[in-house]
PDB file of N, CA and C in Angstrom:
ATOM      1  N   MET A   1      85.657  69.360  73.975  1.00  0.00           N
ATOM      2  CA  MET A   1      87.095  70.178  74.083  1.00  0.00           C
ATOM      3  C   MET A   1      87.509  70.675  75.312  1.00  0.00           C
ATOM      4  N   THR A   2      87.199  70.225  76.408  1.00  0.00           N
ATOM      5  CA  THR A   2      87.813  70.480  77.581  1.00  0.00           C
ATOM      6  C   THR A   2      89.803  70.233  77.592  1.00  0.00           C
ATOM      7  N   GLY A   3      89.792  69.758  76.155  1.00  0.00           N
ATOM      8  CA  GLY A   3      91.226  69.593  76.593  1.00  0.00           C
ATOM      9  C   GLY A   3      91.966  70.613  76.417  1.00  0.00           C
ATOM     10  N   THR A   4      91.590  71.459  75.134  1.00  0.00           N
ATOM     11  CA  THR A   4      92.251  72.766  74.875  1.00  0.00           C
ATOM     12  C   THR A   4      91.853  73.835  75.750  1.00  0.00           C
ATOM     13  N   ARG A   5      90.906  73.653  76.642  1.00  0.00           N
ATOM     14  CA  ARG A   5      90.652  74.907  77.688  1.00  0.00           C
ATOM     15  C   ARG A   5      91.615  74.529  78.599  1.00  0.00           C
ATOM     16  N   THR A   6      91.808  72.929  78.970  1.00  0.00           N
ATOM     17  CA  THR A   6      92.701  72.585  80.200  1.00  0.00           C
ATOM     18  C   THR A   6      94.164  73.219  79.892  1.00  0.00           C
ATOM     19  N   HIS A   7      94.532  72.942  78.584  1.00  0.00           N
ATOM     20  CA  HIS A   7      95.787  73.445  78.258  1.00  0.00           C
ATOM     21  C   HIS A   7      96.108  74.989  78.171  1.00  0.00           C
ATOM     22  N   ARG A   8      95.031  75.493  77.892  1.00  0.00           N
ATOM     23  CA  ARG A   8      95.395  77.002  78.113  1.00  0.00           C
ATOM     24  C   ARG A   8      95.520  77.404  79.781  1.00  0.00           C
ATOM     25  N   ILE A   9      94.638  77.076  80.145  1.00  0.00           N
ATOM     26  CA  ILE A   9      94.784  77.162  81.738  1.00  0.00           C
ATOM     27  C   ILE A   9      96.408  76.824  82.265  1.00  0.00           C
ATOM     28  N   ALA A  10      96.671  75.375  81.837  1.00  0.00           N
ATOM     29  CA  ALA A  10      97.806  75.116  82.150  1.00  0.00           C
ATOM     30  C   ALA A  10      98.945  76.209  81.843  1.00  0.00           C
ATOM     31  N   ALA A  11      98.916  76.662  80.512  1.00  0.00           N
ATOM     32  CA  ALA A  11      99.922  77.289  79.847  1.00  0.00           C
ATOM     33  C   ALA A  11     100.055  78.420  80.352  1.00  0.00           C
ATOM     34  N   ARG A  12      98.774  79.062  81.268  1.00  0.00           N
ATOM     35  CA  ARG A  12      98.534  80.520  81.841  1.00  0.00           C
ATOM     36  C   ARG A  12      99.569  80.273  83.174  1.00  0.00           C
ATOM     37  N   LEU A  13      98.704  79.172  83.933  1.00  0.00           N
ATOM     38  CA  LEU A  13      99.546  79.040  85.073  1.00  0.00           C
ATOM     39  C   LEU A  13     101.119  78.771  85.093  1.00  0.00           C
ATOM     40  N   ASN A  14     101.675  78.340  84.017  1.00  0.00           N
ATOM     41  CA  ASN A  14     102.942  78.131  83.727  1.00  0.00           C
ATOM     42  C   ASN A  14     103.909  79.394  83.650  1.00  0.00           C
ATOM     43  N   ARG A  15     102.837  79.914  82.850  1.00  0.00           N
ATOM     44  CA  ARG A  15     103.734  81.564  82.978  1.00  0.00           C
ATOM     45  C   ARG A  15     104.011  82.239  83.792  1.00  0.00           C
ATOM     46  N   ARG A  16     103.048  82.360  84.541  1.00  0.00           N
ATOM     47  CA  ARG A  16     102.920  82.983  85.932  1.00  0.00           C
ATOM     48  C   ARG A  16     103.950  82.614  86.514  1.00  0.00           C
ATOM     49  N   ARG A  17     103.978  81.721  86.922  1.00  0.00           N
ATOM     50  CA  ARG A  17     105.246  80.792  88.041  1.00  0.00           C
ATOM     51  C   ARG A  17     106.337  81.291  87.199  1.00  0.00           C
ATOM     52  N   TYR A  18     106.804  80.912  85.922  1.00  0.00           N
ATOM     53  CA  TYR A  18     108.006  81.707  85.408  1.00  0.00           C
ATOM     54  C   TYR A  18     108.148  82.696  85.257  1.00  0.00           C
ATOM     55  N   ALA A  19     107.512  83.872  85.609  1.00  0.00           N
ATOM     56  CA  ALA A  19     107.701  85.044  85.576  1.00  0.00           C
ATOM     57  C   ALA A  19     107.959  85.202  87.018  1.00  0.00           C
ATOM     58  N   VAL A  20     107.353  84.851  88.304  1.00  0.00           N
ATOM     59  CA  VAL A  20     107.870  84.980  89.343  1.00  0.00           C
ATOM     60  C   VAL A  20     109.322  84.198  89.628  1.00  0.00           C
ATOM     61  N   LEU A  21     109.561  83.442  89.065  1.00  0.00           N
ATOM     62  CA  LEU A  21     110.840  82.285  89.223  1.00  0.00           C
ATOM     63  C   LEU A  21     111.934  83.124  88.357  1.00  0.00           C
ATOM     64  N   VAL A  22     111.703  84.070  87.599  1.00  0.00           N
ATOM     65  CA  VAL A  22     112.794  84.963  86.772  1.00  0.00           C
ATOM     66  C   VAL A  22     113.085  86.065  87.406  1.00  0.00           C
ATOM     67  N   ASP A  23     112.319  86.719  88.392  1.00  0.00           N
ATOM     68  CA  ASP A  23     112.607  87.628  89.123  1.00  0.00           C
ATOM     69  C   ASP A  23     113.590  87.482  90.175  1.00  0.00           C
ATOM     70  N   ARG A  24     113.587  86.142  90.666  1.00  0.00           N
ATOM     71  CA  ARG A  24     114.447  85.886  91.762  1.00  0.00           C
ATOM     72  C   ARG A  24     116.142  85.497  91.333  1.00  0.00           C
ATOM     73  N   PRO A  25     116.686  85.751  92.305  1.00  0.00           N
ATOM     74  CA  PRO A  25     118.068  85.023  91.940  1.00  0.00           C
ATOM     75  C   PRO A  25     118.443  83.916  92.452  1.00  0.00           C
ATOM     76  N   LEU A  26     119.154  83.616  91.258  1.00  0.00           N
ATOM     77  CA  LEU A  26     119.632  81.949  91.346  1.00  0.00           C
ATOM     78  C   LEU A  26     121.197  81.892  92.142  1.00  0.00           C
ATOM     79  N   GLU A  27     120.823  81.875  93.750  1.00  0.00           N
ATOM     80  CA  GLU A  27     122.034  81.967  94.873  1.00  0.00           C
ATOM     81  C   GLU A  27     121.505  80.756  95.618  1.00  0.00           C
ATOM     82  N   SER A  28     122.629  80.011  95.918  1.00  0.00           N
ATOM     83  CA  SER A  28     122.686  79.102  97.078  1.00  0.00           C
ATOM     84  C   SER A  28     122.428  79.610  98.330  1.00  0.00           C
ATOM     85  N   THR A  29     121.312  78.821  99.132  1.00  0.00           N
ATOM     86  CA  THR A  29     121.505  79.955 100.320  1.00  0.00           C
ATOM     87  C   THR A  29     122.203  79.165 101.481  1.00  0.00           C
ATOM     88  N   GLY A  30     122.974  77.926 101.098  1.00  0.00           N
ATOM     89  CA  GLY A  30     123.929  77.338 102.148  1.00  0.00           C
ATOM     90  C   GLY A  30     123.272  76.128 102.313  1.00  0.00           C
ATOM     91  N   PRO A  31     123.949  75.551 103.112  1.00  0.00           N
ATOM     92  CA  PRO A  31     123.767  73.920 103.224  1.00  0.00           C
ATOM     93  C   PRO A  31     122.612  73.579 104.208  1.00  0.00           C
ATOM     94  N   GLN A  32     121.711  72.919 103.596  1.00  0.00           N
ATOM     95  CA  GLN A  32     120.397  72.750 104.379  1.00  0.00           C
ATOM     96  C   GLN A  32     120.574  71.552 104.760  1.00  0.00           C
ATOM     97  N   THR A  33     119.271  71.159 105.568  1.00  0.00           N
ATOM     98  CA  THR A  33     119.190  69.753 106.008  1.00  0.00           C
ATOM     99  C   THR A  33     119.540  68.722 105.663  1.00  0.00           C
ATOM    100  N   ALA A  34     118.235  68.818 104.340  1.00  0.00           N
ATOM    101  CA  ALA A  34     118.139  67.708 103.235  1.00  0.00           C
ATOM    102  C   ALA A  34     119.646  67.429 102.829  1.00  0.00           C
ATOM    103  N   GLY A  35     120.499  68.319 102.331  1.00  0.00           N
ATOM    104  CA  GLY A  35     121.588  68.354 101.603  1.00  0.00           C
ATOM    105  C   GLY A  35     122.738  67.821 102.307  1.00  0.00           C
ATOM    106  N   VAL A  36     122.515  68.031 103.833  1.00  0.00           N
ATOM    107  CA  VAL A  36     123.650  67.336 105.135  1.00  0.00           C
ATOM    108  C   VAL A  36     123.273  65.869 105.258  1.00  0.00           C
ATOM    109  N   VAL A  37     121.707  65.701 105.095  1.00  0.00           N
ATOM    110  CA  VAL A  37     121.691  64.419 105.548  1.00  0.00           C
ATOM    111  C   VAL A  37     121.880  63.491 104.048  1.00  0.00           C
ATOM    112  N   THR A  38     121.693  64.146 102.765  1.00  0.00           N
ATOM    113  CA  THR A  38     121.982  63.213 101.655  1.00  0.00           C
ATOM    114  C   THR A  38     123.258  63.028 101.686  1.00  0.00           C
ATOM    115  N   ALA A  39     124.253  63.868 102.092  1.00  0.00           N
ATOM    116  CA  ALA A  39     125.651  63.591 102.144  1.00  0.00           C
ATOM    117  C   ALA A  39     126.333  62.673 103.300  1.00  0.00           C
ATOM    118  N   GLY A  40     125.612  62.697 104.543  1.00  0.00           N
ATOM    119  CA  GLY A  40     125.861  61.796 105.806  1.00  0.00           C
ATOM    120  C   GLY A  40     125.550  60.525 105.697  1.00  0.00           C
ATOM    121  N   VAL A  41     124.406  60.182 105.186  1.00  0.00           N
ATOM    122  CA  VAL A  41     124.091  58.730 104.982  1.00  0.00           C
ATOM    123  C   VAL A  41     124.912  57.965 104.021  1.00  0.00           C
ATOM    124  N   PRO A  42     125.151  58.315 103.037  1.00  0.00           N
ATOM    125  CA  PRO A  42     125.851  57.727 102.396  1.00  0.00           C
ATOM    126  C   PRO A  42     127.544  57.274 102.904  1.00  0.00           C
ATOM    127  N   LEU A  43     127.858  58.226 103.609  1.00  0.00           N
ATOM    128  CA  LEU A  43     129.199  58.191 104.496  1.00  0.00           C
ATOM    129  C   LEU A  43     129.085  57.032 105.430  1.00  0.00           C
ATOM    130  N   LEU A  44     127.928  57.168 106.264  1.00  0.00           N
ATOM    131  CA  LEU A  44     127.451  56.438 107.394  1.00  0.00           C
ATOM    132  C   LEU A  44     127.514  55.110 106.923  1.00  0.00           C
ATOM    133  N   LEU A  45     126.965  54.913 105.863  1.00  0.00           N
ATOM    134  CA  LEU A  45     126.650  53.594 105.201  1.00  0.00           C
ATOM    135  C   LEU A  45     128.039  52.910 104.799  1.00  0.00           C
ATOM    136  N   THR A  46     129.075  53.498 104.475  1.00  0.00           N
ATOM    137  CA  THR A  46     130.201  53.363 103.625  1.00  0.00           C
ATOM    138  C   THR A  46     130.994  52.803 104.879  1.00  0.00           C
ATOM    139  N   VAL A  47     130.812  53.548 105.998  1.00  0.00           N
ATOM    140  CA  VAL A  47     131.814  52.861 107.048  1.00  0.00           C
ATOM    141  C   VAL A  47     130.802  51.655 107.890  1.00  0.00           C
ATOM    142  N   GLY A  48     129.636  52.013 108.122  1.00  0.00           N
ATOM    143  CA  GLY A  48     129.168  50.999 108.907  1.00  0.00           C
ATOM    144  C   GLY A  48     128.885  49.626 108.477  1.00  0.00           C
ATOM    145  N   VAL A  49     128.526  49.560 106.981  1.00  0.00           N
ATOM    146  CA  VAL A  49     128.505  47.885 106.598  1.00  0.00           C
ATOM    147  C   VAL A  49     129.792  46.896 106.343  1.00  0.00           C
ATOM    148  N   PRO A  50     130.796  47.557 106.261  1.00  0.00           N
ATOM    149  CA  PRO A  50     132.036  47.048 106.222  1.00  0.00           C
ATOM    150  C   PRO A  50     132.366  46.656 107.739  1.00  0.00           C
ATOM    151  N   ALA A  51     132.227  47.487 108.433  1.00  0.00           N
ATOM    152  CA  ALA A  51     132.185  47.615 109.904  1.00  0.00           C
ATOM    153  C   ALA A  51     131.420  46.476 110.399  1.00  0.00           C
ATOM    154  N   LEU A  52     130.450  46.220 110.174  1.00  0.00           N
ATOM    155  CA  LEU A  52     129.231  45.030 110.723  1.00  0.00           C
ATOM    156  C   LEU A  52     129.608  43.828 109.844  1.00  0.00           C
ATOM    157  N   ALA A  53     130.291  44.003 108.621  1.00  0.00           N
ATOM    158  CA  ALA A  53     130.576  42.446 108.042  1.00  0.00           C
ATOM    159  C   ALA A  53     131.833  42.066 108.741  1.00  0.00           C
ATOM    160  N   GLY A  54     132.709  42.775 109.055  1.00  0.00           N
ATOM    161  CA  GLY A  54     134.100  42.245 109.806  1.00  0.00           C
ATOM    162  C   GLY A  54     133.596  41.810 111.120  1.00  0.00           C
ATOM    163  N   LEU A  55     132.840  42.747 111.738  1.00  0.00           N
ATOM    164  CA  LEU A  55     132.137  41.921 112.873  1.00  0.00           C
ATOM    165  C   LEU A  55     131.622  40.692 112.976  1.00  0.00           C
ATOM    166  N   GLY A  56     130.859  40.252 112.110  1.00  0.00           N
ATOM    167  CA  GLY A  56     130.323  39.280 111.742  1.00  0.00           C
ATOM    168  C   GLY A  56     131.141  38.128 111.410  1.00  0.00           C
ATOM    169  N   CYS A  57     132.027  38.223 110.928  1.00  0.00           N
ATOM    170  CA  CYS A  57     133.368  37.624 110.724  1.00  0.00           C
ATOM    171  C   CYS A  57     134.249  36.839 111.707  1.00  0.00           C
ATOM    172  N   ARG A  58     134.023  38.306 112.590  1.00  0.00           N
ATOM    173  CA  ARG A  58     134.852  37.969 113.689  1.00  0.00           C
ATOM    174  C   ARG A  58     134.257  37.021 114.711  1.00  0.00           C
ATOM    175  N   LEU A  59     132.781  37.299 114.815  1.00  0.00           N
ATOM    176  CA  LEU A  59     131.799  36.321 115.536  1.00  0.00           C
ATOM    177  C   LEU A  59     131.866  34.693 115.223  1.00  0.00           C
ATOM    178  N   LEU A  60     132.205  34.853 113.838  1.00  0.00           N
ATOM    179  CA  LEU A  60     131.909  33.920 113.123  1.00  0.00           C
ATOM    180  C   LEU A  60     133.037  32.638 113.457  1.00  0.00           C
ATOM    181  N   VAL A  61     134.393  33.201 113.303  1.00  0.00           N
ATOM    182  CA  VAL A  61     135.565  32.856 114.015  1.00  0.00           C
ATOM    183  C   VAL A  61     135.842  32.130 115.241  1.00  0.00           C
ATOM    184  N   ALA A  62     135.478  33.581 116.114  1.00  0.00           N
ATOM    185  CA  ALA A  62     135.197  33.168 117.434  1.00  0.00           C
ATOM    186  C   ALA A  62     134.223  32.277 118.165  1.00  0.00           C
ATOM    187  N   TYR A  63     133.107  32.050 117.693  1.00  0.00           N
ATOM    188  CA  TYR A  63     132.093  30.976 118.100  1.00  0.00           C
ATOM    189  C   TYR A  63     131.918  29.856 117.037  1.00  0.00           C
ATOM    190  N   THR A  64     132.928  29.672 116.247  1.00  0.00           N
ATOM    191  CA  THR A  64     132.782  28.272 115.374  1.00  0.00           C
ATOM    192  C   THR A  64     132.969  27.010 116.321  1.00  0.00           C
ATOM    193  N   PRO A  65     131.623  26.222 116.169  1.00  0.00           N
ATOM    194  CA  PRO A  65     131.742  25.051 116.916  1.00  0.00           C
ATOM    195  C   PRO A  65     132.982  23.745 116.960  1.00  0.00           C
ATOM    196  N   PHE A  66     133.272  24.161 115.488  1.00  0.00           N
ATOM    197  CA  PHE A  66     134.033  22.896 114.756  1.00  0.00           C
ATOM    198  C   PHE A  66     135.590  23.449 115.040  1.00  0.00           C
ATOM    199  N   ARG A  67     136.655  22.903 115.992  1.00  0.00           N
ATOM    200  CA  ARG A  67     137.698  23.246 115.236  1.00  0.00           C
ATOM    201  C   ARG A  67     138.681  22.123 115.134  1.00  0.00           C
ATOM    202  N   MET A  68     139.394  22.306 114.390  1.00  0.00           N
ATOM    203  CA  MET A  68     140.530  21.660 113.907  1.00  0.00           C
ATOM    204  C   MET A  68     141.655  21.130 115.015  1.00  0.00           C
ATOM    205  N   SER A  69     141.846  19.788 115.223  1.00  0.00           N
ATOM    206  CA  SER A  69     142.839  19.351 116.344  1.00  0.00           C
ATOM    207  C   SER A  69     143.802  18.499 115.125  1.00  0.00           C
ATOM    208  N   ARG A  70     144.637  17.992 116.161  1.00  0.00           N
ATOM    209  CA  ARG A  70     145.478  16.741 115.406  1.00  0.00           C
ATOM    210  C   ARG A  70     145.151  15.970 115.460  1.00  0.00           C
ATOM    211  N   SER A  71     144.011  15.591 116.024  1.00  0.00           N
ATOM    212  CA  SER A  71     143.497  13.828 115.945  1.00  0.00           C
ATOM    213  C   SER A  71     142.327  14.118 114.789  1.00  0.00           C
ATOM    214  N   CYS A  72     142.297  15.161 114.139  1.00  0.00           N
ATOM    215  CA  CYS A  72     141.443  15.259 113.247  1.00  0.00           C
ATOM    216  C   CYS A  72     141.928  14.675 111.599  1.00  0.00           C
ATOM    217  N   PRO A  73     141.470  14.339 111.031  1.00  0.00           N
ATOM    218  CA  PRO A  73     142.460  13.447 109.788  1.00  0.00           C
ATOM    219  C   PRO A  73     142.781  14.865 108.998  1.00  0.00           C
ATOM    220  N   GLY A  74     141.862  15.709 108.467  1.00  0.00           N
ATOM    221  CA  GLY A  74     142.381  16.361 107.684  1.00  0.00           C
ATOM    222  C   GLY A  74     143.176  17.402 108.149  1.00  0.00           C
ATOM    223  N   TRP A  75     143.995  17.500 109.635  1.00  0.00           N
ATOM    224  CA  TRP A  75     144.977  18.574 109.717  1.00  0.00           C
ATOM    225  C   TRP A  75     146.197  18.250 109.350  1.00  0.00           C
ATOM    226  N   ARG A  76     146.608  19.626 109.044  1.00  0.00           N
ATOM    227  CA  ARG A  76     147.969  19.413 108.608  1.00  0.00           C
ATOM    228  C   ARG A  76     149.012  20.298 109.649  1.00  0.00           C
TER     229      ARG A  76
END
């Protein structure tokens, strides 16, 4: 019957924690490091990923070894 005893102890601990939380005001303390990082990383990725894709396309076009010339049969 240790399960019942364990549940009683857990319920008592939960009541104590809830009593402590009830006395505290529910106010925001302002921006903190976690919130700033959580907002900043998606913004950085939103700008960075398309920039890297664009740079990759530019390099691909600039350094492609196969250039179409007038002597090429597929050139128009």
